[in-house]
């Protein structure tokens, strides 16, 4: 949500700026700046942490050169924490866009990041007769 939209939203809903800001900061799906083409989430719930998600988190941050709530300079990947993907039996877990990956090793997360960074460009083409 752009910052310029907050004041009109406050007025139309008869809510304070603090009320709107509270909602925006509580729900992780709201952003005040555009995210990347892909969103990579690392599960930070207890089951995943017990199975190595903190190491995955450190590796992903190093591979991408960003921290949580940031986007790579090429606008390709936004890194976000998530606090349970409901796949605890297959910890540690990550989610890329809407795809959950379970039992993710450091090698596998490197492969996934590499796949995201090296996807071929797709060009929209239209053929007219």
C-alpha atoms as a PDB file:
ATOM      1  CA  UNK A   1       0.000   0.000   0.000  1.00  0.00           C
ATOM      2  CA  UNK A   2       1.540   3.296  -1.020  1.00  0.00           C
ATOM      3  CA  UNK A   3       2.053   5.858   1.747  1.00  0.00           C
ATOM      4  CA  UNK A   4      -0.108   8.307  -0.193  1.00  0.00           C
ATOM      5  CA  UNK A   5      -3.111   5.998   0.224  1.00  0.00           C
ATOM      6  CA  UNK A   6      -3.029   5.940   4.026  1.00  0.00           C
ATOM      7  CA  UNK A   7      -4.614   9.346   4.690  1.00  0.00           C
ATOM      8  CA  UNK A   8      -7.568   8.865   2.282  1.00  0.00           C
ATOM      9  CA  UNK A   9      -8.087   5.409   3.789  1.00  0.00           C
ATOM     10  CA  UNK A  10      -8.146   6.881   7.307  1.00  0.00           C
ATOM     11  CA  UNK A  11     -10.740   9.421   6.249  1.00  0.00           C
ATOM     12  CA  UNK A  12     -12.963   6.983   4.387  1.00  0.00           C
ATOM     13  CA  UNK A  13     -12.937   4.441   7.240  1.00  0.00           C
ATOM     14  CA  UNK A  14     -12.982   7.000  10.073  1.00  0.00           C
ATOM     15  CA  UNK A  15      -9.862   5.441  11.574  1.00  0.00           C
ATOM     16  CA  UNK A  16      -6.694   6.989  12.899  1.00  0.00           C
ATOM     17  CA  UNK A  17      -3.363   6.782  11.106  1.00  0.00           C
ATOM     18  CA  UNK A  18      -2.157   4.584  14.008  1.00  0.00           C
ATOM     19  CA  UNK A  19      -5.039   2.147  13.404  1.00  0.00           C
ATOM     20  CA  UNK A  20      -4.177   1.792   9.723  1.00  0.00           C
ATOM     21  CA  UNK A  21      -0.445   1.552  10.408  1.00  0.00           C
ATOM     22  CA  UNK A  22      -1.144  -1.139  13.019  1.00  0.00           C
ATOM     23  CA  UNK A  23      -2.936  -3.295  10.461  1.00  0.00           C
ATOM     24  CA  UNK A  24      -0.264  -2.717   7.823  1.00  0.00           C
ATOM     25  CA  UNK A  25       2.542  -3.707  10.179  1.00  0.00           C
ATOM     26  CA  UNK A  26       0.706  -6.688  11.729  1.00  0.00           C
ATOM     27  CA  UNK A  27      -0.158  -8.534   8.510  1.00  0.00           C
ATOM     28  CA  UNK A  28       2.982  -9.569   6.641  1.00  0.00           C
ATOM     29  CA  UNK A  29       1.241  -9.667   3.270  1.00  0.00           C
ATOM     30  CA  UNK A  30       0.811  -5.869   3.284  1.00  0.00           C
ATOM     31  CA  UNK A  31       3.769  -3.928   1.912  1.00  0.00           C
ATOM     32  CA  UNK A  32       4.479  -0.237   1.657  1.00  0.00           C
ATOM     33  CA  UNK A  33       6.904  -0.766  -1.204  1.00  0.00           C
ATOM     34  CA  UNK A  34       6.744  -3.174  -4.145  1.00  0.00           C
ATOM     35  CA  UNK A  35       8.081  -6.681  -3.567  1.00  0.00           C
ATOM     36  CA  UNK A  36      10.206  -8.737  -5.915  1.00  0.00           C
ATOM     37  CA  UNK A  37       9.009 -11.008  -8.694  1.00  0.00           C
ATOM     38  CA  UNK A  38       9.332 -13.929  -6.245  1.00  0.00           C
ATOM     39  CA  UNK A  39       8.832 -14.098  -2.491  1.00  0.00           C
ATOM     40  CA  UNK A  40      11.009 -16.540  -0.575  1.00  0.00           C
ATOM     41  CA  UNK A  41       9.886 -17.287   2.970  1.00  0.00           C
ATOM     42  CA  UNK A  42      11.906 -19.202   5.554  1.00  0.00           C
ATOM     43  CA  UNK A  43       9.887 -20.846   8.325  1.00  0.00           C
ATOM     44  CA  UNK A  44      10.939 -19.629  11.765  1.00  0.00           C
ATOM     45  CA  UNK A  45       8.601 -21.803  13.852  1.00  0.00           C
ATOM     46  CA  UNK A  46      10.051 -23.993  16.586  1.00  0.00           C
ATOM     47  CA  UNK A  47       9.890 -27.288  14.688  1.00  0.00           C
ATOM     48  CA  UNK A  48      11.775 -25.836  11.728  1.00  0.00           C
ATOM     49  CA  UNK A  49      14.325 -24.127  13.972  1.00  0.00           C
ATOM     50  CA  UNK A  50      14.967 -27.440  15.735  1.00  0.00           C
ATOM     51  CA  UNK A  51      15.705 -29.000  12.335  1.00  0.00           C
ATOM     52  CA  UNK A  52      18.049 -26.306  11.035  1.00  0.00           C
ATOM     53  CA  UNK A  53      16.050 -23.403   9.639  1.00  0.00           C
ATOM     54  CA  UNK A  54      18.337 -20.846  11.312  1.00  0.00           C
ATOM     55  CA  UNK A  55      21.227 -22.166   9.210  1.00  0.00           C
ATOM     56  CA  UNK A  56      19.040 -21.983   6.088  1.00  0.00           C
ATOM     57  CA  UNK A  57      18.074 -18.442   7.032  1.00  0.00           C
ATOM     58  CA  UNK A  58      21.730 -17.385   7.332  1.00  0.00           C
ATOM     59  CA  UNK A  59      22.584 -19.076   4.043  1.00  0.00           C
ATOM     60  CA  UNK A  60      19.711 -17.490   2.124  1.00  0.00           C
ATOM     61  CA  UNK A  61      20.573 -14.046   3.491  1.00  0.00           C
ATOM     62  CA  UNK A  62      24.193 -14.542   2.411  1.00  0.00           C
ATOM     63  CA  UNK A  63      23.252 -15.888  -1.039  1.00  0.00           C
ATOM     64  CA  UNK A  64      20.877 -13.010  -1.737  1.00  0.00           C
ATOM     65  CA  UNK A  65      22.835 -10.306   0.060  1.00  0.00           C
ATOM     66  CA  UNK A  66      19.694  -9.057   1.804  1.00  0.00           C
ATOM     67  CA  UNK A  67      17.886  -9.386   5.128  1.00  0.00           C
ATOM     68  CA  UNK A  68      14.252 -10.092   5.932  1.00  0.00           C
ATOM     69  CA  UNK A  69      11.752  -7.609   4.476  1.00  0.00           C
ATOM     70  CA  UNK A  70      14.188  -6.630   1.734  1.00  0.00           C
ATOM     71  CA  UNK A  71      14.292  -7.215  -2.012  1.00  0.00           C
ATOM     72  CA  UNK A  72      17.319  -7.991  -4.140  1.00  0.00           C
ATOM     73  CA  UNK A  73      18.615  -5.021  -6.182  1.00  0.00           C
ATOM     74  CA  UNK A  74      17.361  -6.670  -9.408  1.00  0.00           C
ATOM     75  CA  UNK A  75      13.833  -6.777  -7.914  1.00  0.00           C
ATOM     76  CA  UNK A  76      13.781 -10.542  -8.387  1.00  0.00           C
ATOM     77  CA  UNK A  77      13.455 -11.953  -4.838  1.00  0.00           C
ATOM     78  CA  UNK A  78      11.940 -10.587  -1.632  1.00  0.00           C
ATOM     79  CA  UNK A  79      12.946 -12.399   1.565  1.00  0.00           C
ATOM     80  CA  UNK A  80      10.352 -12.760   4.314  1.00  0.00           C
ATOM     81  CA  UNK A  81      10.093 -14.720   7.558  1.00  0.00           C
ATOM     82  CA  UNK A  82       7.051 -16.906   8.122  1.00  0.00           C
ATOM     83  CA  UNK A  83       5.963 -18.403  11.410  1.00  0.00           C
ATOM     84  CA  UNK A  84       4.637 -21.802  10.378  1.00  0.00           C
ATOM     85  CA  UNK A  85       3.767 -23.275   7.035  1.00  0.00           C
ATOM     86  CA  UNK A  86       1.813 -26.172   8.552  1.00  0.00           C
ATOM     87  CA  UNK A  87       4.343 -28.702   7.313  1.00  0.00           C
ATOM     88  CA  UNK A  88       6.148 -29.371  10.612  1.00  0.00           C
ATOM     89  CA  UNK A  89       6.650 -33.093   9.979  1.00  0.00           C
ATOM     90  CA  UNK A  90       8.869 -32.185   7.018  1.00  0.00           C
ATOM     91  CA  UNK A  91      11.002 -29.507   8.692  1.00  0.00           C
ATOM     92  CA  UNK A  92      12.779 -27.310   7.810  1.00  0.00           C
ATOM     93  CA  UNK A  93      10.489 -25.631   5.312  1.00  0.00           C
ATOM     94  CA  UNK A  94      10.600 -22.728   2.919  1.00  0.00           C
ATOM     95  CA  UNK A  95       7.987 -21.316   0.572  1.00  0.00           C
ATOM     96  CA  UNK A  96       8.687 -19.738  -2.784  1.00  0.00           C
ATOM     97  CA  UNK A  97       5.651 -17.859  -3.988  1.00  0.00           C
ATOM     98  CA  UNK A  98       2.920 -20.472  -3.376  1.00  0.00           C
ATOM     99  CA  UNK A  99       5.129 -23.599  -3.434  1.00  0.00           C
ATOM    100  CA  UNK A 100       6.174 -25.156  -0.097  1.00  0.00           C
ATOM    101  CA  UNK A 101       9.428 -27.114   0.029  1.00  0.00           C
ATOM    102  CA  UNK A 102       9.987 -29.538   2.926  1.00  0.00           C
ATOM    103  CA  UNK A 103      13.105 -31.136   4.392  1.00  0.00           C
ATOM    104  CA  UNK A 104      15.168 -28.409   2.767  1.00  0.00           C
ATOM    105  CA  UNK A 105      18.926 -28.843   3.063  1.00  0.00           C
ATOM    106  CA  UNK A 106      21.518 -26.110   2.640  1.00  0.00           C
ATOM    107  CA  UNK A 107      22.348 -27.596  -0.760  1.00  0.00           C
ATOM    108  CA  UNK A 108      18.692 -27.646  -1.825  1.00  0.00           C
ATOM    109  CA  UNK A 109      18.071 -24.045  -0.780  1.00  0.00           C
ATOM    110  CA  UNK A 110      21.129 -23.011  -2.813  1.00  0.00           C
ATOM    111  CA  UNK A 111      19.700 -24.863  -5.817  1.00  0.00           C
ATOM    112  CA  UNK A 112      16.302 -23.195  -5.391  1.00  0.00           C
ATOM    113  CA  UNK A 113      17.841 -19.721  -5.161  1.00  0.00           C
ATOM    114  CA  UNK A 114      19.974 -20.471  -8.215  1.00  0.00           C
ATOM    115  CA  UNK A 115      16.902 -21.621 -10.153  1.00  0.00           C
ATOM    116  CA  UNK A 116      15.093 -18.389  -9.277  1.00  0.00           C
ATOM    117  CA  UNK A 117      18.052 -16.267 -10.305  1.00  0.00           C
ATOM    118  CA  UNK A 118      18.687 -18.060 -13.610  1.00  0.00           C
ATOM    119  CA  UNK A 119      15.182 -18.557 -14.971  1.00  0.00           C
ATOM    120  CA  UNK A 120      15.067 -17.692 -18.646  1.00  0.00           C
ATOM    121  CA  UNK A 121      13.259 -14.537 -19.588  1.00  0.00           C
ATOM    122  CA  UNK A 122       9.849 -15.088 -21.091  1.00  0.00           C
ATOM    123  CA  UNK A 123       8.766 -12.606 -23.699  1.00  0.00           C
ATOM    124  CA  UNK A 124       5.154 -11.978 -24.482  1.00  0.00           C
ATOM    125  CA  UNK A 125       4.666 -12.362 -28.197  1.00  0.00           C
ATOM    126  CA  UNK A 126       1.560 -11.772 -30.172  1.00  0.00           C
ATOM    127  CA  UNK A 127       1.110 -13.006 -33.701  1.00  0.00           C
ATOM    128  CA  UNK A 128      -1.367 -11.164 -35.826  1.00  0.00           C
ATOM    129  CA  UNK A 129      -2.644 -12.586 -39.054  1.00  0.00           C
END
